[in-house]
Amino acid sequence: MQATELEQRILKRSLLGTVLIAVLGITVGILSGSLSIIFDGMFSALDAAMCSLSLLVTRLLSQQSSRRFQHGFWHIEPLVLTFNGSLLAVLCFYAFVNAIKGMLDGGHELEFGWGMFYAVVVSIFCFFMFFRQRRLNRSIESELVGLDTKSWLMSACISSALLLAFSIAWILEGTRYRHLTPYFDPGVLALLTLVLIPMPVGTVIGAVKEVLLITPQDLDRTLRELMHALTSDYGFVSHSHYATRVGRGLFVEVHIVLPEAMEHAGIRQLDLIRERISHAIGEPGPDRWLTVAFTRDARWL
């Protein structure tokens, strides 16, 4: 199975599972009166919408370039990651504000039976989806599937924390600490959002770097070391390189000013230099754009 087909298959199954969790979460949240369960359901609903968008992007990425998009559609991937991560971060922040407000208002009573049932079922399902998608994504290394896998982990952590909190609150129901139980639901929600918000924020930062065409440090370091070695071997007069990564697309340009001794170098020798550069940066295939230009005039750098 091709990587793109597997990617789309993973996202389709994830979309179906996310919709089921969203419906269950919102329904149980209303029945139990739990803000944290409603948040979990809304998180899943938003995640379902983002998964649909990611699925659309994978189909675009599998298409050939067009006259209007001659470099392909790789730039759409970091845009989607930025959008998805931003929405998840906003949702977490909004939930945190509501949780603090709920605690200041004195909390609220809830039905722990429904809450514990939901937490057990969803925790098991989300952890299963997380481990399964992480295993499948090792072979294709898709950033879109990677973000979706993080979302399953976030959902699993939310549900597990809810189970722990509801269990403790249920135990305290018959004790002298019963007056604390109304604060468990908003308290857990506040804690969860603080823990989870760095995940989407980290995704947004990484995607924005790609949108702004910031060169990855490891890629720049590889090219600098490579060109230093080639200059020592061939005595290049000067050289320059430009590289960036946009989504799964890798774009590298190398310009070399040849010494006088290589003015009449044959195509075979120049192709050997290209081959060394190609081998050093790796990632051969349709997602890599490599240009190596040779000249004797430094003004073309």
C-alpha atoms as a PDB file:
ATOM      1  CA  MET A   1       0.000   0.000   0.000  1.00  0.00           C
ATOM      2  CA  GLN A   2       1.325   3.451  -0.943  1.00  0.00           C
ATOM      3  CA  ALA A   3       2.071   5.927   1.830  1.00  0.00           C
ATOM      4  CA  THR A   4      -0.660   8.344   0.711  1.00  0.00           C
ATOM      5  CA  GLU A   5      -3.285   5.592   0.576  1.00  0.00           C
ATOM      6  CA  LEU A   6      -2.319   4.373   4.039  1.00  0.00           C
ATOM      7  CA  GLU A   7      -2.367   7.955   5.320  1.00  0.00           C
ATOM      8  CA  GLN A   8      -5.902   8.492   4.030  1.00  0.00           C
ATOM      9  CA  ARG A   9      -7.056   5.137   5.397  1.00  0.00           C
ATOM     10  CA  ILE A  10      -5.713   6.008   8.865  1.00  0.00           C
ATOM     11  CA  LEU A  11      -7.400   9.410   8.840  1.00  0.00           C
ATOM     12  CA  LYS A  12     -10.742   7.970   7.680  1.00  0.00           C
ATOM     13  CA  ARG A  13     -10.797   5.483  10.543  1.00  0.00           C
ATOM     14  CA  SER A  14      -9.708   8.170  12.958  1.00  0.00           C
ATOM     15  CA  LEU A  15     -12.501  10.446  11.744  1.00  0.00           C
ATOM     16  CA  LEU A  16     -15.127   7.774  12.369  1.00  0.00           C
ATOM     17  CA  GLY A  17     -13.797   7.047  15.853  1.00  0.00           C
ATOM     18  CA  THR A  18     -13.583  10.730  16.721  1.00  0.00           C
ATOM     19  CA  VAL A  19     -17.186  11.384  15.701  1.00  0.00           C
ATOM     20  CA  LEU A  20     -18.378   8.510  17.900  1.00  0.00           C
ATOM     21  CA  ILE A  21     -16.395   9.829  20.880  1.00  0.00           C
ATOM     22  CA  ALA A  22     -17.700  13.368  20.309  1.00  0.00           C
ATOM     23  CA  VAL A  23     -21.345  12.251  20.287  1.00  0.00           C
ATOM     24  CA  LEU A  24     -20.833  10.054  23.350  1.00  0.00           C
ATOM     25  CA  GLY A  25     -18.954  12.787  25.235  1.00  0.00           C
ATOM     26  CA  ILE A  26     -21.480  15.556  24.656  1.00  0.00           C
ATOM     27  CA  THR A  27     -24.414  13.228  25.459  1.00  0.00           C
ATOM     28  CA  VAL A  28     -22.908  11.843  28.674  1.00  0.00           C
ATOM     29  CA  GLY A  29     -21.668  15.300  29.661  1.00  0.00           C
ATOM     30  CA  ILE A  30     -25.197  16.683  29.508  1.00  0.00           C
ATOM     31  CA  LEU A  31     -26.665  13.688  31.372  1.00  0.00           C
ATOM     32  CA  SER A  32     -24.045  13.819  34.133  1.00  0.00           C
ATOM     33  CA  GLY A  33     -23.775  17.605  34.323  1.00  0.00           C
ATOM     34  CA  SER A  34     -19.992  17.426  33.866  1.00  0.00           C
ATOM     35  CA  LEU A  35     -18.238  20.369  32.224  1.00  0.00           C
ATOM     36  CA  SER A  36     -15.060  18.343  31.798  1.00  0.00           C
ATOM     37  CA  ILE A  37     -16.871  15.582  29.886  1.00  0.00           C
ATOM     38  CA  ILE A  38     -18.599  18.164  27.709  1.00  0.00           C
ATOM     39  CA  PHE A  39     -15.145  19.677  27.075  1.00  0.00           C
ATOM     40  CA  ASP A  40     -13.852  16.250  26.093  1.00  0.00           C
ATOM     41  CA  GLY A  41     -16.767  15.824  23.699  1.00  0.00           C
ATOM     42  CA  MET A  42     -16.254  19.261  22.188  1.00  0.00           C
ATOM     43  CA  PHE A  43     -12.535  18.546  21.884  1.00  0.00           C
ATOM     44  CA  SER A  44     -13.387  15.391  19.929  1.00  0.00           C
ATOM     45  CA  ALA A  45     -15.921  17.231  17.765  1.00  0.00           C
ATOM     46  CA  LEU A  46     -13.351  19.863  16.852  1.00  0.00           C
ATOM     47  CA  ASP A  47     -10.795  17.136  16.280  1.00  0.00           C
ATOM     48  CA  ALA A  48     -13.246  15.415  13.890  1.00  0.00           C
ATOM     49  CA  ALA A  49     -13.564  18.606  11.855  1.00  0.00           C
ATOM     50  CA  MET A  50      -9.785  18.973  11.751  1.00  0.00           C
ATOM     51  CA  CYS A  51      -9.376  15.328  10.752  1.00  0.00           C
ATOM     52  CA  SER A  52     -11.762  15.916   7.833  1.00  0.00           C
ATOM     53  CA  LEU A  53      -9.645  18.864   6.741  1.00  0.00           C
ATOM     54  CA  SER A  54      -6.462  16.807   7.048  1.00  0.00           C
ATOM     55  CA  LEU A  55      -8.025  14.077   4.913  1.00  0.00           C
ATOM     56  CA  LEU A  56      -8.812  16.643   2.227  1.00  0.00           C
ATOM     57  CA  VAL A  57      -5.217  17.879   2.317  1.00  0.00           C
ATOM     58  CA  THR A  58      -3.801  14.363   1.873  1.00  0.00           C
ATOM     59  CA  ARG A  59      -5.862  14.015  -1.287  1.00  0.00           C
ATOM     60  CA  LEU A  60      -4.492  17.303  -2.590  1.00  0.00           C
ATOM     61  CA  LEU A  61      -0.929  16.239  -1.790  1.00  0.00           C
ATOM     62  CA  SER A  62      -1.390  13.043  -3.781  1.00  0.00           C
ATOM     63  CA  GLN A  63      -2.248  15.024  -6.916  1.00  0.00           C
ATOM     64  CA  GLN A  64       0.234  16.130  -9.520  1.00  0.00           C
ATOM     65  CA  SER A  65       1.289  19.765  -9.685  1.00  0.00           C
ATOM     66  CA  SER A  66      -0.785  22.057 -11.882  1.00  0.00           C
ATOM     67  CA  ARG A  67      -0.044  25.158 -13.930  1.00  0.00           C
ATOM     68  CA  ARG A  68      -1.116  27.333 -10.992  1.00  0.00           C
ATOM     69  CA  PHE A  69       0.614  25.233  -8.308  1.00  0.00           C
ATOM     70  CA  GLN A  70       3.763  24.190 -10.122  1.00  0.00           C
ATOM     71  CA  HIS A  71       5.588  23.313  -6.903  1.00  0.00           C
ATOM     72  CA  GLY A  72       2.729  21.105  -5.743  1.00  0.00           C
ATOM     73  CA  PHE A  73       0.515  21.517  -2.699  1.00  0.00           C
ATOM     74  CA  TRP A  74       3.045  20.988   0.112  1.00  0.00           C
ATOM     75  CA  HIS A  75       2.548  24.493   1.466  1.00  0.00           C
ATOM     76  CA  ILE A  76      -1.058  23.618   2.410  1.00  0.00           C
ATOM     77  CA  GLU A  77       0.082  21.072   5.000  1.00  0.00           C
ATOM     78  CA  PRO A  78       1.745  23.528   7.442  1.00  0.00           C
ATOM     79  CA  LEU A  79      -1.175  25.922   6.966  1.00  0.00           C
ATOM     80  CA  VAL A  80      -3.586  23.202   8.071  1.00  0.00           C
ATOM     81  CA  LEU A  81      -1.351  22.264  10.994  1.00  0.00           C
ATOM     82  CA  THR A  82      -1.258  25.915  12.076  1.00  0.00           C
ATOM     83  CA  PHE A  83      -5.039  26.189  11.831  1.00  0.00           C
ATOM     84  CA  ASN A  84      -5.681  22.899  13.631  1.00  0.00           C
ATOM     85  CA  GLY A  85      -3.212  23.573  16.433  1.00  0.00           C
ATOM     86  CA  SER A  86      -4.504  27.112  16.929  1.00  0.00           C
ATOM     87  CA  LEU A  87      -8.099  25.946  17.312  1.00  0.00           C
ATOM     88  CA  LEU A  88      -7.115  23.256  19.808  1.00  0.00           C
ATOM     89  CA  ALA A  89      -5.105  25.807  21.804  1.00  0.00           C
ATOM     90  CA  VAL A  90      -8.035  28.257  21.835  1.00  0.00           C
ATOM     91  CA  LEU A  91     -10.395  25.491  22.959  1.00  0.00           C
ATOM     92  CA  CYS A  92      -8.063  24.591  25.829  1.00  0.00           C
ATOM     93  CA  PHE A  93      -7.775  28.233  26.898  1.00  0.00           C
ATOM     94  CA  TYR A  94     -11.545  28.736  26.749  1.00  0.00           C
ATOM     95  CA  ALA A  95     -12.116  25.587  28.805  1.00  0.00           C
ATOM     96  CA  PHE A  96      -9.558  26.752  31.371  1.00  0.00           C
ATOM     97  CA  VAL A  97     -11.355  30.076  31.815  1.00  0.00           C
ATOM     98  CA  ASN A  98     -14.691  28.281  32.252  1.00  0.00           C
ATOM     99  CA  ALA A  99     -13.146  25.900  34.780  1.00  0.00           C
ATOM    100  CA  ILE A 100     -11.797  28.760  36.894  1.00  0.00           C
ATOM    101  CA  LYS A 101     -15.173  30.481  36.738  1.00  0.00           C
ATOM    102  CA  GLY A 102     -16.863  27.258  37.824  1.00  0.00           C
ATOM    103  CA  MET A 103     -14.572  26.920  40.832  1.00  0.00           C
ATOM    104  CA  LEU A 104     -15.151  30.545  41.860  1.00  0.00           C
ATOM    105  CA  ASP A 105     -18.905  29.943  41.618  1.00  0.00           C
ATOM    106  CA  GLY A 106     -18.658  27.058  44.086  1.00  0.00           C
ATOM    107  CA  GLY A 107     -18.495  24.148  41.692  1.00  0.00           C
ATOM    108  CA  HIS A 108     -21.482  21.917  40.930  1.00  0.00           C
ATOM    109  CA  GLU A 109     -22.879  18.482  41.685  1.00  0.00           C
ATOM    110  CA  LEU A 110     -22.693  15.771  39.026  1.00  0.00           C
ATOM    111  CA  GLU A 111     -23.682  12.158  38.419  1.00  0.00           C
ATOM    112  CA  PHE A 112     -20.494  10.156  38.982  1.00  0.00           C
ATOM    113  CA  GLY A 113     -21.907   6.888  37.619  1.00  0.00           C
ATOM    114  CA  TRP A 114     -22.295   8.256  34.104  1.00  0.00           C
ATOM    115  CA  GLY A 115     -18.959  10.020  34.334  1.00  0.00           C
ATOM    116  CA  MET A 116     -17.012   6.925  35.383  1.00  0.00           C
ATOM    117  CA  PHE A 117     -18.680   4.809  32.687  1.00  0.00           C
ATOM    118  CA  TYR A 118     -17.711   7.346  30.035  1.00  0.00           C
ATOM    119  CA  ALA A 119     -14.151   7.722  31.313  1.00  0.00           C
ATOM    120  CA  VAL A 120     -13.486   3.958  31.309  1.00  0.00           C
ATOM    121  CA  VAL A 121     -14.865   3.352  27.807  1.00  0.00           C
ATOM    122  CA  VAL A 122     -13.242   6.369  26.200  1.00  0.00           C
ATOM    123  CA  SER A 123      -9.858   5.899  27.900  1.00  0.00           C
ATOM    124  CA  ILE A 124      -9.541   2.354  26.584  1.00  0.00           C
ATOM    125  CA  PHE A 125     -10.636   3.345  23.081  1.00  0.00           C
ATOM    126  CA  CYS A 126      -8.394   6.441  22.864  1.00  0.00           C
ATOM    127  CA  PHE A 127      -5.279   4.628  24.074  1.00  0.00           C
ATOM    128  CA  PHE A 128      -5.970   1.872  21.542  1.00  0.00           C
ATOM    129  CA  MET A 129      -6.232   4.434  18.709  1.00  0.00           C
ATOM    130  CA  PHE A 130      -3.104   6.260  19.881  1.00  0.00           C
ATOM    131  CA  PHE A 131      -0.853   3.202  19.958  1.00  0.00           C
ATOM    132  CA  ARG A 132      -2.277   1.882  16.704  1.00  0.00           C
ATOM    133  CA  GLN A 133      -1.806   5.121  14.781  1.00  0.00           C
ATOM    134  CA  ARG A 134       1.655   5.705  16.198  1.00  0.00           C
ATOM    135  CA  ARG A 135       2.701   2.250  15.001  1.00  0.00           C
ATOM    136  CA  LEU A 136       1.256   2.758  11.519  1.00  0.00           C
ATOM    137  CA  ASN A 137       2.748   6.245  11.186  1.00  0.00           C
ATOM    138  CA  ARG A 138       6.286   4.953  11.724  1.00  0.00           C
ATOM    139  CA  SER A 139       6.305   3.736   8.126  1.00  0.00           C
ATOM    140  CA  ILE A 140       4.938   6.895   6.492  1.00  0.00           C
ATOM    141  CA  GLU A 141       5.984   9.628   8.978  1.00  0.00           C
ATOM    142  CA  SER A 142       3.036  11.871   8.113  1.00  0.00           C
ATOM    143  CA  GLU A 143       2.831  15.157  10.035  1.00  0.00           C
ATOM    144  CA  LEU A 144      -0.945  15.181   9.608  1.00  0.00           C
ATOM    145  CA  VAL A 145      -1.289  11.686  11.055  1.00  0.00           C
ATOM    146  CA  GLY A 146       1.242  12.675  13.711  1.00  0.00           C
ATOM    147  CA  LEU A 147      -0.933  15.600  14.829  1.00  0.00           C
ATOM    148  CA  ASP A 148      -4.005  13.373  14.796  1.00  0.00           C
ATOM    149  CA  THR A 149      -2.124  10.799  16.893  1.00  0.00           C
ATOM    150  CA  LYS A 150      -1.269  13.519  19.422  1.00  0.00           C
ATOM    151  CA  SER A 151      -4.956  14.388  19.581  1.00  0.00           C
ATOM    152  CA  TRP A 152      -5.799  10.790  20.487  1.00  0.00           C
ATOM    153  CA  LEU A 153      -3.157  10.885  23.220  1.00  0.00           C
ATOM    154  CA  MET A 154      -4.601  14.142  24.528  1.00  0.00           C
ATOM    155  CA  SER A 155      -8.103  12.614  24.552  1.00  0.00           C
ATOM    156  CA  ALA A 156      -6.793   9.507  26.311  1.00  0.00           C
ATOM    157  CA  CYS A 157      -5.098  11.627  28.984  1.00  0.00           C
ATOM    158  CA  ILE A 158      -8.251  13.680  29.490  1.00  0.00           C
ATOM    159  CA  SER A 159     -10.405  10.575  29.930  1.00  0.00           C
ATOM    160  CA  SER A 160      -7.902   8.891  32.257  1.00  0.00           C
ATOM    161  CA  ALA A 161      -7.687  11.992  34.426  1.00  0.00           C
ATOM    162  CA  LEU A 162     -11.482  12.183  34.518  1.00  0.00           C
ATOM    163  CA  LEU A 163     -11.655   8.551  35.636  1.00  0.00           C
ATOM    164  CA  LEU A 164      -9.164   9.184  38.419  1.00  0.00           C
ATOM    165  CA  ALA A 165     -10.902  12.370  39.583  1.00  0.00           C
ATOM    166  CA  PHE A 166     -14.398  10.869  39.467  1.00  0.00           C
ATOM    167  CA  SER A 167     -13.202   7.796  41.367  1.00  0.00           C
ATOM    168  CA  ILE A 168     -11.713   9.935  44.129  1.00  0.00           C
ATOM    169  CA  ALA A 169     -14.816  12.129  44.278  1.00  0.00           C
ATOM    170  CA  TRP A 170     -17.069   9.050  44.402  1.00  0.00           C
ATOM    171  CA  ILE A 171     -15.031   7.692  47.334  1.00  0.00           C
ATOM    172  CA  LEU A 172     -15.306  11.021  49.169  1.00  0.00           C
ATOM    173  CA  GLU A 173     -19.104  11.113  48.730  1.00  0.00           C
ATOM    174  CA  GLY A 174     -19.678   9.236  51.991  1.00  0.00           C
ATOM    175  CA  THR A 175     -17.037  10.982  54.067  1.00  0.00           C
ATOM    176  CA  ARG A 176     -16.669  14.299  55.883  1.00  0.00           C
ATOM    177  CA  TYR A 177     -14.932  15.682  52.782  1.00  0.00           C
ATOM    178  CA  ARG A 178     -18.105  15.475  50.721  1.00  0.00           C
ATOM    179  CA  HIS A 179     -18.212  19.264  50.479  1.00  0.00           C
ATOM    180  CA  LEU A 180     -15.143  19.133  48.205  1.00  0.00           C
ATOM    181  CA  THR A 181     -16.738  16.956  45.514  1.00  0.00           C
ATOM    182  CA  PRO A 182     -18.436  19.840  43.630  1.00  0.00           C
ATOM    183  CA  TYR A 183     -14.972  21.278  42.917  1.00  0.00           C
ATOM    184  CA  PHE A 184     -13.552  18.123  41.351  1.00  0.00           C
ATOM    185  CA  ASP A 185     -15.088  18.550  37.905  1.00  0.00           C
ATOM    186  CA  PRO A 186     -13.972  22.163  37.242  1.00  0.00           C
ATOM    187  CA  GLY A 187     -10.699  21.531  39.056  1.00  0.00           C
ATOM    188  CA  VAL A 188      -9.807  18.575  36.859  1.00  0.00           C
ATOM    189  CA  LEU A 189     -10.807  20.533  33.762  1.00  0.00           C
ATOM    190  CA  ALA A 190      -8.526  23.434  34.731  1.00  0.00           C
ATOM    191  CA  LEU A 191      -5.603  21.099  35.396  1.00  0.00           C
ATOM    192  CA  LEU A 192      -6.102  19.174  32.150  1.00  0.00           C
ATOM    193  CA  THR A 193      -6.184  22.262  29.975  1.00  0.00           C
ATOM    194  CA  LEU A 194      -2.972  23.590  31.526  1.00  0.00           C
ATOM    195  CA  VAL A 195      -1.225  20.274  30.867  1.00  0.00           C
ATOM    196  CA  LEU A 196      -2.569  19.823  27.332  1.00  0.00           C
ATOM    197  CA  ILE A 197      -2.189  23.289  25.870  1.00  0.00           C
ATOM    198  CA  PRO A 198       1.598  22.994  25.202  1.00  0.00           C
ATOM    199  CA  MET A 199       0.936  20.185  22.667  1.00  0.00           C
ATOM    200  CA  PRO A 200      -1.042  22.215  20.105  1.00  0.00           C
ATOM    201  CA  VAL A 201       1.101  25.298  20.800  1.00  0.00           C
ATOM    202  CA  GLY A 202       4.239  23.310  19.919  1.00  0.00           C
ATOM    203  CA  THR A 203       2.605  22.123  16.698  1.00  0.00           C
ATOM    204  CA  VAL A 204       1.672  25.691  15.758  1.00  0.00           C
ATOM    205  CA  ILE A 205       5.218  26.962  16.359  1.00  0.00           C
ATOM    206  CA  GLY A 206       6.729  24.245  14.162  1.00  0.00           C
ATOM    207  CA  ALA A 207       4.181  24.793  11.378  1.00  0.00           C
ATOM    208  CA  VAL A 208       4.588  28.587  11.431  1.00  0.00           C
ATOM    209  CA  LYS A 209       8.346  28.136  10.925  1.00  0.00           C
ATOM    210  CA  GLU A 210       7.573  26.226   7.743  1.00  0.00           C
ATOM    211  CA  VAL A 211       5.035  28.809   6.586  1.00  0.00           C
ATOM    212  CA  LEU A 212       7.691  31.521   7.077  1.00  0.00           C
ATOM    213  CA  LEU A 213      10.238  29.355   5.157  1.00  0.00           C
ATOM    214  CA  ILE A 214      12.661  29.254   8.089  1.00  0.00           C
ATOM    215  CA  THR A 215      15.529  26.901   7.278  1.00  0.00           C
ATOM    216  CA  PRO A 216      15.812  23.968   9.743  1.00  0.00           C
ATOM    217  CA  GLN A 217      19.109  24.225  11.644  1.00  0.00           C
ATOM    218  CA  ASP A 218      20.075  20.598  11.080  1.00  0.00           C
ATOM    219  CA  LEU A 219      19.548  20.918   7.323  1.00  0.00           C
ATOM    220  CA  ASP A 220      21.589  24.118   7.149  1.00  0.00           C
ATOM    221  CA  ARG A 221      24.370  22.519   9.203  1.00  0.00           C
ATOM    222  CA  THR A 222      24.445  19.492   6.884  1.00  0.00           C
ATOM    223  CA  LEU A 223      24.777  21.687   3.803  1.00  0.00           C
ATOM    224  CA  ARG A 224      27.497  23.846   5.361  1.00  0.00           C
ATOM    225  CA  GLU A 225      29.584  20.825   6.318  1.00  0.00           C
ATOM    226  CA  LEU A 226      29.020  19.239   2.915  1.00  0.00           C
ATOM    227  CA  MET A 227      30.035  22.338   0.949  1.00  0.00           C
ATOM    228  CA  HIS A 228      33.119  22.798   3.132  1.00  0.00           C
ATOM    229  CA  ALA A 229      34.191  19.234   2.321  1.00  0.00           C
ATOM    230  CA  LEU A 230      33.488  19.661  -1.406  1.00  0.00           C
ATOM    231  CA  THR A 231      35.409  22.937  -1.488  1.00  0.00           C
ATOM    232  CA  SER A 232      38.409  21.181   0.056  1.00  0.00           C
ATOM    233  CA  ASP A 233      38.189  18.417  -2.560  1.00  0.00           C
ATOM    234  CA  TYR A 234      37.580  20.524  -5.688  1.00  0.00           C
ATOM    235  CA  GLY A 235      38.844  23.978  -4.756  1.00  0.00           C
ATOM    236  CA  PHE A 236      35.616  25.865  -5.437  1.00  0.00           C
ATOM    237  CA  VAL A 237      36.049  29.642  -5.615  1.00  0.00           C
ATOM    238  CA  SER A 238      32.848  30.234  -3.644  1.00  0.00           C
ATOM    239  CA  HIS A 239      29.409  28.779  -3.143  1.00  0.00           C
ATOM    240  CA  SER A 240      25.984  29.482  -1.643  1.00  0.00           C
ATOM    241  CA  HIS A 241      23.028  27.384  -0.672  1.00  0.00           C
ATOM    242  CA  TYR A 242      19.368  27.959   0.100  1.00  0.00           C
ATOM    243  CA  ALA A 243      17.159  25.345   1.746  1.00  0.00           C
ATOM    244  CA  THR A 244      13.787  25.093   3.397  1.00  0.00           C
ATOM    245  CA  ARG A 245      11.161  22.543   4.295  1.00  0.00           C
ATOM    246  CA  VAL A 246       7.463  23.103   3.639  1.00  0.00           C
ATOM    247  CA  GLY A 247       5.282  20.281   4.887  1.00  0.00           C
ATOM    248  CA  ARG A 248       6.690  17.109   3.413  1.00  0.00           C
ATOM    249  CA  GLY A 249       8.401  19.051   0.615  1.00  0.00           C
ATOM    250  CA  LEU A 250      12.167  19.653   0.821  1.00  0.00           C
ATOM    251  CA  PHE A 251      13.616  22.449  -1.340  1.00  0.00           C
ATOM    252  CA  VAL A 252      17.388  22.832  -1.759  1.00  0.00           C
ATOM    253  CA  GLU A 253      19.355  25.096  -4.112  1.00  0.00           C
ATOM    254  CA  VAL A 254      23.157  25.020  -4.327  1.00  0.00           C
ATOM    255  CA  HIS A 255      25.187  27.461  -6.452  1.00  0.00           C
ATOM    256  CA  ILE A 256      28.887  26.819  -7.029  1.00  0.00           C
ATOM    257  CA  VAL A 257      31.578  29.020  -8.605  1.00  0.00           C
ATOM    258  CA  LEU A 258      34.071  26.637 -10.215  1.00  0.00           C
ATOM    259  CA  PRO A 259      37.843  27.275 -10.209  1.00  0.00           C
ATOM    260  CA  GLU A 260      39.674  27.941 -13.457  1.00  0.00           C
ATOM    261  CA  ALA A 261      41.014  24.389 -13.435  1.00  0.00           C
ATOM    262  CA  MET A 262      37.453  23.057 -13.747  1.00  0.00           C
ATOM    263  CA  GLU A 263      36.319  25.472 -16.456  1.00  0.00           C
ATOM    264  CA  HIS A 264      36.130  22.630 -18.966  1.00  0.00           C
ATOM    265  CA  ALA A 265      34.924  19.966 -16.549  1.00  0.00           C
ATOM    266  CA  GLY A 266      32.740  17.353 -18.174  1.00  0.00           C
ATOM    267  CA  ILE A 267      29.128  16.633 -17.403  1.00  0.00           C
ATOM    268  CA  ARG A 268      30.056  13.348 -15.741  1.00  0.00           C
ATOM    269  CA  GLN A 269      32.311  15.086 -13.200  1.00  0.00           C
ATOM    270  CA  LEU A 270      29.663  17.691 -12.410  1.00  0.00           C
ATOM    271  CA  ASP A 271      27.064  14.962 -12.015  1.00  0.00           C
ATOM    272  CA  LEU A 272      29.310  13.224  -9.486  1.00  0.00           C
ATOM    273  CA  ILE A 273      29.286  16.416  -7.405  1.00  0.00           C
ATOM    274  CA  ARG A 274      25.494  16.538  -7.691  1.00  0.00           C
ATOM    275  CA  GLU A 275      25.333  12.920  -6.584  1.00  0.00           C
ATOM    276  CA  ARG A 276      27.378  13.666  -3.450  1.00  0.00           C
ATOM    277  CA  ILE A 277      25.086  16.553  -2.582  1.00  0.00           C
ATOM    278  CA  SER A 278      21.997  14.447  -3.247  1.00  0.00           C
ATOM    279  CA  HIS A 279      23.268  11.605  -1.088  1.00  0.00           C
ATOM    280  CA  ALA A 280      24.182  13.968   1.770  1.00  0.00           C
ATOM    281  CA  ILE A 281      20.756  15.630   2.068  1.00  0.00           C
ATOM    282  CA  GLY A 282      18.889  12.340   1.547  1.00  0.00           C
ATOM    283  CA  GLU A 283      15.120  12.030   1.145  1.00  0.00           C
ATOM    284  CA  PRO A 284      15.080  11.193  -2.589  1.00  0.00           C
ATOM    285  CA  GLY A 285      11.681  11.096  -4.262  1.00  0.00           C
ATOM    286  CA  PRO A 286       8.941  13.347  -5.608  1.00  0.00           C
ATOM    287  CA  ASP A 287       8.820  15.453  -2.412  1.00  0.00           C
ATOM    288  CA  ARG A 288      12.397  16.698  -2.838  1.00  0.00           C
ATOM    289  CA  TRP A 289      13.394  19.551  -5.150  1.00  0.00           C
ATOM    290  CA  LEU A 290      17.162  19.747  -5.614  1.00  0.00           C
ATOM    291  CA  THR A 291      18.895  22.268  -7.874  1.00  0.00           C
ATOM    292  CA  VAL A 292      22.685  22.383  -8.242  1.00  0.00           C
ATOM    293  CA  ALA A 293      24.019  25.151 -10.513  1.00  0.00           C
ATOM    294  CA  PHE A 294      27.645  25.571 -11.668  1.00  0.00           C
ATOM    295  CA  THR A 295      29.183  28.792 -12.973  1.00  0.00           C
ATOM    296  CA  ARG A 296      32.482  30.587 -13.421  1.00  0.00           C
ATOM    297  CA  ASP A 297      30.929  33.989 -12.767  1.00  0.00           C
ATOM    298  CA  ALA A 298      30.426  34.885  -9.075  1.00  0.00           C
ATOM    299  CA  ARG A 299      27.629  37.316  -9.881  1.00  0.00           C
ATOM    300  CA  TRP A 300      25.279  34.349 -10.441  1.00  0.00           C
ATOM    301  CA  LEU A 301      25.467  33.273  -6.803  1.00  0.00           C
END
